[in-house]
């Protein structure tokens, strides 16, 4: 039996924390689908297509990882329809745990055959989020600071979007 998981998020932009989750997910599962969700409540820096392209670049070392996008669907239903038995989620802190535990309960009601799997991020990545990274862009010296939080292709995309000089 193939162990297939979906790891979903807005990934705007993908961070080193996301890279950790992709690397670990590729190791733990036979197939990992990285699914870019379109959240209309968030003001996106990159289009869904740009995020898919960035994620394809950073996940290219992992033969068992594919990247897709989805919109206007519950993640657990998307996972079930994709043939995935698992949803992979990252926990950075207690707040993440409380939210993800609540979502796990709702997901189990909607699709009992899809299980949630949680990974605790390493300490060095515990405060890294896409919103955090976007908040660092702009002030003097941002290029050096942001470089520490994102994979190289994402850094190049941020430089292209916000200026390399």
N, C-alpha and C. Protein backbone atom coordinates (compact mmCIF):
# COMPACT_ATOMS: atom_id res chain seq x y z
N UNK A 1 0.84 -1.18 0.00
CA UNK A 1 0.00 0.00 0.00
C UNK A 1 0.89 1.25 0.00
N UNK A 2 0.59 2.17 -0.88
CA UNK A 2 1.36 3.40 -1.00
C UNK A 2 0.92 4.40 0.05
N UNK A 3 1.90 4.98 0.74
CA UNK A 3 1.61 6.04 1.72
C UNK A 3 1.73 7.38 1.00
N UNK A 4 0.58 8.01 0.78
CA UNK A 4 0.54 9.29 0.07
C UNK A 4 0.02 10.37 1.01
N UNK A 5 0.72 11.50 1.01
CA UNK A 5 0.34 12.62 1.87
C UNK A 5 0.23 13.90 1.06
N UNK A 6 -0.57 14.81 1.57
CA UNK A 6 -0.67 16.15 1.02
C UNK A 6 -0.15 17.13 2.07
N UNK A 7 0.77 17.97 1.64
CA UNK A 7 1.27 19.07 2.48
C UNK A 7 0.82 20.35 1.81
N UNK A 8 -0.10 21.07 2.43
CA UNK A 8 -0.72 22.23 1.79
C UNK A 8 -0.42 23.51 2.56
N UNK A 9 -0.46 24.61 1.83
CA UNK A 9 -0.30 25.92 2.43
C UNK A 9 -0.43 26.97 1.35
N UNK A 10 -0.30 28.22 1.77
CA UNK A 10 -0.31 29.30 0.76
C UNK A 10 1.09 29.48 0.19
N UNK A 11 2.13 29.19 0.96
CA UNK A 11 3.52 29.23 0.48
C UNK A 11 3.85 30.56 -0.21
N UNK A 12 3.48 31.67 0.42
CA UNK A 12 3.67 32.98 -0.20
C UNK A 12 4.57 33.87 0.64
N UNK A 13 5.88 33.70 0.55
CA UNK A 13 6.65 32.78 -0.30
C UNK A 13 7.03 31.51 0.47
N UNK A 14 7.51 30.50 -0.26
CA UNK A 14 8.05 29.31 0.41
C UNK A 14 9.27 29.69 1.26
N UNK A 15 9.37 29.10 2.43
CA UNK A 15 10.45 29.41 3.37
C UNK A 15 11.30 28.18 3.64
N UNK A 16 12.36 28.37 4.42
CA UNK A 16 13.17 27.22 4.84
C UNK A 16 12.36 26.28 5.74
N UNK A 17 11.38 26.81 6.44
CA UNK A 17 10.48 25.95 7.23
C UNK A 17 9.67 25.04 6.32
N UNK A 18 9.16 25.58 5.23
CA UNK A 18 8.46 24.74 4.25
C UNK A 18 9.40 23.70 3.67
N UNK A 19 10.65 24.11 3.40
CA UNK A 19 11.64 23.19 2.85
C UNK A 19 11.88 22.03 3.81
N UNK A 20 11.96 22.32 5.10
CA UNK A 20 12.09 21.26 6.11
C UNK A 20 10.93 20.27 5.99
N UNK A 21 9.72 20.78 5.90
CA UNK A 21 8.54 19.92 5.83
C UNK A 21 8.54 19.08 4.56
N UNK A 22 8.93 19.65 3.44
CA UNK A 22 8.99 18.91 2.18
C UNK A 22 10.04 17.81 2.27
N UNK A 23 11.20 18.14 2.78
CA UNK A 23 12.28 17.15 2.91
C UNK A 23 11.84 15.99 3.81
N UNK A 24 11.26 16.31 4.97
CA UNK A 24 10.82 15.26 5.89
C UNK A 24 9.64 14.48 5.32
N UNK A 25 8.72 15.17 4.67
CA UNK A 25 7.58 14.49 4.05
C UNK A 25 8.02 13.53 2.96
N UNK A 26 9.00 13.95 2.16
CA UNK A 26 9.53 13.07 1.11
C UNK A 26 10.18 11.83 1.71
N UNK A 27 10.77 11.98 2.88
CA UNK A 27 11.42 10.86 3.56
C UNK A 27 10.39 9.91 4.18
N UNK A 28 9.31 10.46 4.71
CA UNK A 28 8.33 9.66 5.44
C UNK A 28 7.28 8.98 4.57
N UNK A 29 6.98 9.57 3.42
CA UNK A 29 5.89 9.06 2.59
C UNK A 29 6.41 8.60 1.23
N UNK A 30 5.69 7.65 0.63
CA UNK A 30 6.03 7.19 -0.71
C UNK A 30 5.77 8.28 -1.73
N UNK A 31 4.69 9.03 -1.53
CA UNK A 31 4.34 10.16 -2.39
C UNK A 31 3.95 11.34 -1.52
N UNK A 32 4.43 12.51 -1.91
CA UNK A 32 4.05 13.74 -1.22
C UNK A 32 3.59 14.75 -2.26
N UNK A 33 2.38 15.23 -2.09
CA UNK A 33 1.85 16.29 -2.94
C UNK A 33 1.95 17.59 -2.15
N UNK A 34 2.69 18.54 -2.67
CA UNK A 34 2.75 19.87 -2.08
C UNK A 34 1.67 20.67 -2.81
N UNK A 35 0.65 21.07 -2.06
CA UNK A 35 -0.53 21.70 -2.67
C UNK A 35 -0.62 23.16 -2.27
N UNK A 36 -0.58 24.02 -3.26
CA UNK A 36 -0.70 25.46 -3.04
C UNK A 36 -2.18 25.82 -3.00
N UNK A 37 -2.61 26.29 -1.86
CA UNK A 37 -3.98 26.73 -1.72
C UNK A 37 -4.08 28.22 -1.98
N UNK A 38 -5.16 28.61 -2.58
CA UNK A 38 -5.40 30.03 -2.85
C UNK A 38 -6.31 30.56 -1.76
N UNK A 39 -5.76 31.40 -0.90
CA UNK A 39 -6.53 31.98 0.20
C UNK A 39 -6.92 33.41 -0.20
N UNK A 40 -8.20 33.62 -0.56
CA UNK A 40 -8.63 34.96 -1.00
C UNK A 40 -8.57 36.00 0.10
N UNK A 41 -8.45 35.58 1.36
CA UNK A 41 -8.36 36.53 2.47
C UNK A 41 -6.96 37.10 2.64
N UNK A 42 -5.98 36.50 1.97
CA UNK A 42 -4.60 36.97 2.08
C UNK A 42 -4.21 37.73 0.82
N UNK A 43 -3.47 38.81 1.01
CA UNK A 43 -2.95 39.57 -0.12
C UNK A 43 -1.66 38.90 -0.57
N UNK A 44 -1.67 38.30 -1.74
CA UNK A 44 -0.56 37.50 -2.22
C UNK A 44 0.55 38.36 -2.82
N UNK A 45 1.78 37.97 -2.53
CA UNK A 45 2.96 38.58 -3.15
C UNK A 45 3.24 37.92 -4.49
N UNK A 46 3.10 36.60 -4.52
CA UNK A 46 3.32 35.82 -5.74
C UNK A 46 2.00 35.19 -6.17
N UNK A 47 1.82 35.05 -7.48
CA UNK A 47 0.63 34.37 -7.99
C UNK A 47 0.71 32.89 -7.63
N UNK A 48 -0.41 32.20 -7.72
CA UNK A 48 -0.41 30.76 -7.46
C UNK A 48 0.56 30.07 -8.41
N UNK A 49 0.56 30.49 -9.67
CA UNK A 49 1.46 29.87 -10.66
C UNK A 49 2.92 30.10 -10.30
N UNK A 50 3.25 31.29 -9.82
CA UNK A 50 4.63 31.57 -9.40
C UNK A 50 5.02 30.71 -8.19
N UNK A 51 4.09 30.55 -7.26
CA UNK A 51 4.38 29.73 -6.08
C UNK A 51 4.57 28.26 -6.45
N UNK A 52 3.74 27.77 -7.37
CA UNK A 52 3.90 26.39 -7.84
C UNK A 52 5.28 26.23 -8.47
N UNK A 53 5.67 27.18 -9.31
CA UNK A 53 6.98 27.11 -9.96
C UNK A 53 8.13 27.13 -8.94
N UNK A 54 8.04 28.00 -7.95
CA UNK A 54 9.06 28.05 -6.91
C UNK A 54 9.14 26.74 -6.14
N UNK A 55 7.99 26.19 -5.80
CA UNK A 55 7.97 24.93 -5.06
C UNK A 55 8.49 23.77 -5.90
N UNK A 56 8.22 23.79 -7.20
CA UNK A 56 8.78 22.76 -8.08
C UNK A 56 10.30 22.84 -8.09
N UNK A 57 10.83 24.06 -8.10
CA UNK A 57 12.29 24.22 -8.08
C UNK A 57 12.90 23.70 -6.79
N UNK A 58 12.32 24.07 -5.66
CA UNK A 58 12.95 23.68 -4.39
C UNK A 58 12.70 22.22 -4.03
N UNK A 59 11.68 21.61 -4.62
CA UNK A 59 11.41 20.20 -4.32
C UNK A 59 11.97 19.27 -5.40
N UNK A 60 12.64 19.80 -6.39
CA UNK A 60 13.16 18.98 -7.49
C UNK A 60 14.12 17.87 -7.04
N UNK A 61 14.87 18.01 -5.94
CA UNK A 61 15.73 16.89 -5.53
C UNK A 61 14.96 15.64 -5.07
N UNK A 62 13.67 15.76 -4.87
CA UNK A 62 12.88 14.65 -4.31
C UNK A 62 11.96 14.07 -5.39
N UNK A 63 12.31 12.88 -5.86
CA UNK A 63 11.58 12.25 -6.97
C UNK A 63 10.13 11.93 -6.61
N UNK A 64 9.83 11.79 -5.34
CA UNK A 64 8.48 11.41 -4.93
C UNK A 64 7.60 12.60 -4.55
N UNK A 65 8.04 13.80 -4.90
CA UNK A 65 7.27 15.01 -4.58
C UNK A 65 6.73 15.64 -5.86
N UNK A 66 5.44 15.95 -5.84
CA UNK A 66 4.81 16.70 -6.92
C UNK A 66 4.19 17.95 -6.33
N UNK A 67 3.97 18.94 -7.17
CA UNK A 67 3.39 20.21 -6.73
C UNK A 67 2.13 20.46 -7.55
N UNK A 68 1.06 20.81 -6.85
CA UNK A 68 -0.22 21.12 -7.48
C UNK A 68 -0.81 22.35 -6.80
N UNK A 69 -1.96 22.78 -7.30
CA UNK A 69 -2.69 23.86 -6.64
C UNK A 69 -4.16 23.47 -6.54
N UNK A 70 -4.84 24.09 -5.60
CA UNK A 70 -6.27 23.85 -5.46
C UNK A 70 -6.92 25.11 -4.89
N UNK A 71 -8.21 25.23 -5.12
CA UNK A 71 -8.95 26.41 -4.64
C UNK A 71 -10.38 26.01 -4.34
N UNK A 72 -10.99 26.73 -3.42
CA UNK A 72 -12.41 26.59 -3.09
C UNK A 72 -12.80 25.18 -2.67
N UNK A 73 -11.88 24.47 -1.98
CA UNK A 73 -12.17 23.13 -1.50
C UNK A 73 -11.56 22.96 -0.12
N UNK A 74 -12.20 22.15 0.68
CA UNK A 74 -11.60 21.79 1.96
C UNK A 74 -10.37 20.95 1.68
N UNK A 75 -9.30 21.21 2.41
CA UNK A 75 -8.05 20.47 2.22
C UNK A 75 -8.28 18.97 2.38
N UNK A 76 -9.02 18.56 3.38
CA UNK A 76 -9.22 17.13 3.62
C UNK A 76 -9.97 16.47 2.46
N UNK A 77 -10.88 17.18 1.85
CA UNK A 77 -11.60 16.63 0.68
C UNK A 77 -10.66 16.56 -0.52
N UNK A 78 -9.85 17.58 -0.69
CA UNK A 78 -8.84 17.57 -1.76
C UNK A 78 -7.91 16.37 -1.58
N UNK A 79 -7.45 16.14 -0.35
CA UNK A 79 -6.56 15.01 -0.07
C UNK A 79 -7.24 13.69 -0.40
N UNK A 80 -8.46 13.51 0.05
CA UNK A 80 -9.19 12.27 -0.21
C UNK A 80 -9.39 12.05 -1.71
N UNK A 81 -9.77 13.11 -2.41
CA UNK A 81 -9.98 13.00 -3.86
C UNK A 81 -8.68 12.73 -4.60
N UNK A 82 -7.56 13.12 -4.00
CA UNK A 82 -6.24 12.87 -4.61
C UNK A 82 -5.72 11.48 -4.29
N UNK A 83 -6.43 10.74 -3.47
CA UNK A 83 -6.00 9.41 -3.09
C UNK A 83 -4.99 9.40 -1.95
N UNK A 84 -4.89 10.51 -1.24
CA UNK A 84 -3.96 10.60 -0.12
C UNK A 84 -4.64 10.14 1.16
N UNK A 85 -3.91 9.39 1.96
CA UNK A 85 -4.42 8.94 3.24
C UNK A 85 -3.99 9.82 4.39
N UNK A 86 -3.14 10.83 4.06
CA UNK A 86 -2.56 11.66 5.12
C UNK A 86 -2.50 13.12 4.71
N UNK A 87 -2.64 13.97 5.70
CA UNK A 87 -2.36 15.39 5.56
C UNK A 87 -1.17 15.67 6.47
N UNK A 88 -0.14 16.26 5.92
CA UNK A 88 1.07 16.59 6.67
C UNK A 88 1.00 18.05 7.09
N UNK A 89 1.21 18.31 8.38
CA UNK A 89 1.16 19.67 8.90
C UNK A 89 2.35 19.91 9.81
N UNK A 90 2.82 21.14 9.84
CA UNK A 90 3.93 21.52 10.69
C UNK A 90 3.46 22.26 11.92
N UNK A 91 4.12 22.01 13.02
CA UNK A 91 3.82 22.70 14.28
C UNK A 91 5.05 23.48 14.72
N UNK A 92 4.88 24.80 14.85
CA UNK A 92 5.98 25.65 15.30
C UNK A 92 5.86 25.99 16.78
N UNK A 93 4.62 26.02 17.27
CA UNK A 93 4.40 26.47 18.64
C UNK A 93 3.04 25.98 19.15
N UNK A 94 2.70 26.39 20.36
CA UNK A 94 1.45 25.95 20.98
C UNK A 94 0.22 26.45 20.21
N UNK A 95 0.31 27.63 19.66
CA UNK A 95 -0.82 28.18 18.90
C UNK A 95 -1.09 27.33 17.66
N UNK A 96 -0.02 26.93 16.96
CA UNK A 96 -0.19 26.03 15.81
C UNK A 96 -0.85 24.73 16.26
N UNK A 97 -0.39 24.18 17.39
CA UNK A 97 -0.95 22.93 17.87
C UNK A 97 -2.45 23.06 18.13
N UNK A 98 -2.86 24.12 18.81
CA UNK A 98 -4.29 24.29 19.12
C UNK A 98 -5.12 24.37 17.84
N UNK A 99 -4.67 25.15 16.88
CA UNK A 99 -5.41 25.29 15.62
C UNK A 99 -5.43 23.96 14.86
N UNK A 100 -4.27 23.35 14.72
CA UNK A 100 -4.18 22.10 13.94
C UNK A 100 -4.94 20.96 14.60
N UNK A 101 -4.97 20.92 15.92
CA UNK A 101 -5.74 19.90 16.62
C UNK A 101 -7.23 20.08 16.34
N UNK A 102 -7.70 21.31 16.35
CA UNK A 102 -9.09 21.59 16.04
C UNK A 102 -9.41 21.16 14.60
N UNK A 103 -8.51 21.51 13.67
CA UNK A 103 -8.72 21.14 12.26
C UNK A 103 -8.69 19.62 12.08
N UNK A 104 -7.84 18.94 12.83
CA UNK A 104 -7.78 17.48 12.74
C UNK A 104 -9.12 16.87 13.11
N UNK A 105 -9.75 17.43 14.14
CA UNK A 105 -11.05 16.92 14.57
C UNK A 105 -12.11 17.11 13.48
N UNK A 106 -12.16 18.31 12.91
CA UNK A 106 -13.12 18.59 11.84
C UNK A 106 -12.83 17.71 10.62
N UNK A 107 -11.56 17.61 10.26
CA UNK A 107 -11.19 16.78 9.11
C UNK A 107 -11.61 15.33 9.31
N UNK A 108 -11.43 14.82 10.52
CA UNK A 108 -11.82 13.43 10.80
C UNK A 108 -13.33 13.24 10.65
N UNK A 109 -14.10 14.26 10.97
CA UNK A 109 -15.55 14.18 10.76
C UNK A 109 -15.89 14.16 9.28
N UNK A 110 -15.17 14.95 8.48
CA UNK A 110 -15.46 15.06 7.04
C UNK A 110 -14.95 13.88 6.25
N UNK A 111 -13.75 13.43 6.57
CA UNK A 111 -13.10 12.33 5.83
C UNK A 111 -12.36 11.43 6.82
N UNK A 112 -13.05 10.46 7.41
CA UNK A 112 -12.44 9.64 8.45
C UNK A 112 -11.22 8.83 7.99
N UNK A 113 -11.10 8.59 6.70
CA UNK A 113 -9.99 7.78 6.19
C UNK A 113 -8.73 8.59 5.93
N UNK A 114 -8.77 9.90 6.16
CA UNK A 114 -7.58 10.75 5.98
C UNK A 114 -7.08 11.15 7.37
N UNK A 115 -5.84 10.77 7.66
CA UNK A 115 -5.24 11.06 8.97
C UNK A 115 -4.33 12.27 8.89
N UNK A 116 -4.25 13.00 9.98
CA UNK A 116 -3.32 14.13 10.07
C UNK A 116 -2.03 13.66 10.73
N UNK A 117 -0.91 14.09 10.14
CA UNK A 117 0.41 13.79 10.68
C UNK A 117 1.09 15.12 10.96
N UNK A 118 1.61 15.27 12.17
CA UNK A 118 2.21 16.53 12.58
C UNK A 118 3.71 16.36 12.78
N UNK A 119 4.46 17.33 12.29
CA UNK A 119 5.90 17.39 12.52
C UNK A 119 6.21 18.67 13.27
N UNK A 120 7.04 18.57 14.27
CA UNK A 120 7.48 19.74 15.01
C UNK A 120 8.73 20.28 14.32
N UNK A 121 8.71 21.54 13.99
CA UNK A 121 9.85 22.13 13.28
C UNK A 121 11.03 22.30 14.23
N UNK A 122 12.24 22.27 13.68
CA UNK A 122 13.42 22.51 14.52
C UNK A 122 13.39 23.92 15.11
N UNK A 123 14.05 24.08 16.22
CA UNK A 123 14.08 25.37 16.93
C UNK A 123 14.47 26.52 16.01
N UNK A 124 15.47 26.32 15.15
CA UNK A 124 15.96 27.40 14.29
C UNK A 124 14.91 27.87 13.29
N UNK A 125 13.84 27.07 13.07
CA UNK A 125 12.80 27.43 12.11
C UNK A 125 11.47 27.76 12.78
N UNK A 126 11.44 27.71 14.09
CA UNK A 126 10.18 27.81 14.82
C UNK A 126 9.46 29.15 14.62
N UNK A 127 10.17 30.19 14.32
CA UNK A 127 9.53 31.50 14.15
C UNK A 127 9.42 31.90 12.68
N UNK A 128 9.82 31.02 11.79
CA UNK A 128 9.81 31.35 10.37
C UNK A 128 8.44 31.07 9.76
N UNK A 129 7.88 32.08 9.12
CA UNK A 129 6.63 31.94 8.39
C UNK A 129 6.70 32.84 7.17
N UNK A 130 5.82 32.60 6.22
CA UNK A 130 5.77 33.45 5.03
C UNK A 130 5.47 34.90 5.41
N UNK A 131 4.55 35.10 6.32
CA UNK A 131 4.21 36.46 6.75
C UNK A 131 5.41 37.15 7.39
N UNK A 132 6.16 36.40 8.20
CA UNK A 132 7.37 36.93 8.83
C UNK A 132 8.37 37.37 7.77
N UNK A 133 8.60 36.52 6.77
CA UNK A 133 9.55 36.83 5.70
C UNK A 133 9.09 38.07 4.94
N UNK A 134 7.82 38.12 4.58
CA UNK A 134 7.32 39.30 3.84
C UNK A 134 7.47 40.58 4.66
N UNK A 135 7.34 40.46 5.97
CA UNK A 135 7.51 41.62 6.84
C UNK A 135 8.94 42.12 6.91
N UNK A 136 9.89 41.28 6.55
CA UNK A 136 11.30 41.68 6.56
C UNK A 136 11.72 42.43 5.30
N UNK A 137 10.96 42.29 4.23
CA UNK A 137 11.31 42.90 2.94
C UNK A 137 11.06 44.40 3.00
N UNK A 138 12.04 45.16 2.55
CA UNK A 138 11.85 46.61 2.44
C UNK A 138 12.89 47.46 3.12
N UNK A 139 13.06 47.30 4.44
CA UNK A 139 14.02 48.17 5.12
C UNK A 139 15.46 47.95 4.63
N UNK A 140 16.28 48.93 4.88
CA UNK A 140 17.68 48.83 4.50
C UNK A 140 18.28 47.54 5.07
N UNK A 141 18.99 46.82 4.22
CA UNK A 141 19.63 45.57 4.63
C UNK A 141 18.75 44.34 4.54
N UNK A 142 17.53 44.47 4.02
CA UNK A 142 16.59 43.35 3.99
C UNK A 142 17.12 42.17 3.19
N UNK A 143 17.88 42.45 2.14
CA UNK A 143 18.34 41.37 1.28
C UNK A 143 19.19 40.36 2.05
N UNK A 144 20.09 40.84 2.89
CA UNK A 144 20.93 39.93 3.67
C UNK A 144 20.12 39.18 4.72
N UNK A 145 19.17 39.86 5.34
CA UNK A 145 18.36 39.24 6.39
C UNK A 145 17.45 38.16 5.81
N UNK A 146 16.74 38.49 4.75
CA UNK A 146 15.77 37.57 4.15
C UNK A 146 16.46 36.33 3.59
N UNK A 147 17.66 36.49 3.09
CA UNK A 147 18.42 35.38 2.51
C UNK A 147 18.54 34.20 3.48
N UNK A 148 18.55 34.47 4.77
CA UNK A 148 18.71 33.42 5.78
C UNK A 148 17.43 32.60 6.01
N UNK A 149 16.30 33.05 5.49
CA UNK A 149 15.02 32.41 5.80
C UNK A 149 14.35 31.69 4.64
N UNK A 150 14.93 31.81 3.44
CA UNK A 150 14.28 31.22 2.26
C UNK A 150 15.29 30.44 1.41
N UNK A 151 14.82 29.43 0.67
CA UNK A 151 15.70 28.72 -0.26
C UNK A 151 16.17 29.65 -1.38
N UNK A 152 17.29 29.32 -1.99
CA UNK A 152 17.91 30.17 -3.02
C UNK A 152 16.97 30.58 -4.15
N UNK A 153 16.17 29.69 -4.75
CA UNK A 153 15.27 30.13 -5.82
C UNK A 153 14.23 31.15 -5.35
N UNK A 154 13.81 31.03 -4.11
CA UNK A 154 12.84 31.98 -3.56
C UNK A 154 13.51 33.33 -3.33
N UNK A 155 14.72 33.30 -2.84
CA UNK A 155 15.48 34.54 -2.65
C UNK A 155 15.65 35.27 -3.98
N UNK A 156 15.98 34.53 -5.03
CA UNK A 156 16.15 35.13 -6.36
C UNK A 156 14.82 35.75 -6.83
N UNK A 157 13.72 35.07 -6.56
CA UNK A 157 12.40 35.60 -6.96
C UNK A 157 12.05 36.85 -6.18
N UNK A 158 12.40 36.89 -4.90
CA UNK A 158 12.15 38.09 -4.09
C UNK A 158 12.99 39.26 -4.60
N UNK A 159 14.24 38.98 -4.94
CA UNK A 159 15.10 40.04 -5.51
C UNK A 159 14.52 40.56 -6.82
N UNK A 160 14.05 39.66 -7.66
CA UNK A 160 13.46 40.06 -8.95
C UNK A 160 12.21 40.90 -8.75
N UNK A 161 11.42 40.55 -7.76
CA UNK A 161 10.15 41.26 -7.53
C UNK A 161 10.36 42.60 -6.83
N UNK A 162 11.30 42.65 -5.88
CA UNK A 162 11.46 43.86 -5.07
C UNK A 162 12.74 44.63 -5.33
N UNK A 163 13.52 44.18 -6.27
CA UNK A 163 14.72 44.91 -6.63
C UNK A 163 15.96 44.35 -5.98
N UNK A 164 16.96 44.12 -6.80
CA UNK A 164 18.22 43.54 -6.32
C UNK A 164 19.18 44.58 -5.78
N UNK A 165 18.92 45.85 -6.03
CA UNK A 165 19.88 46.87 -5.57
C UNK A 165 19.35 47.64 -4.38
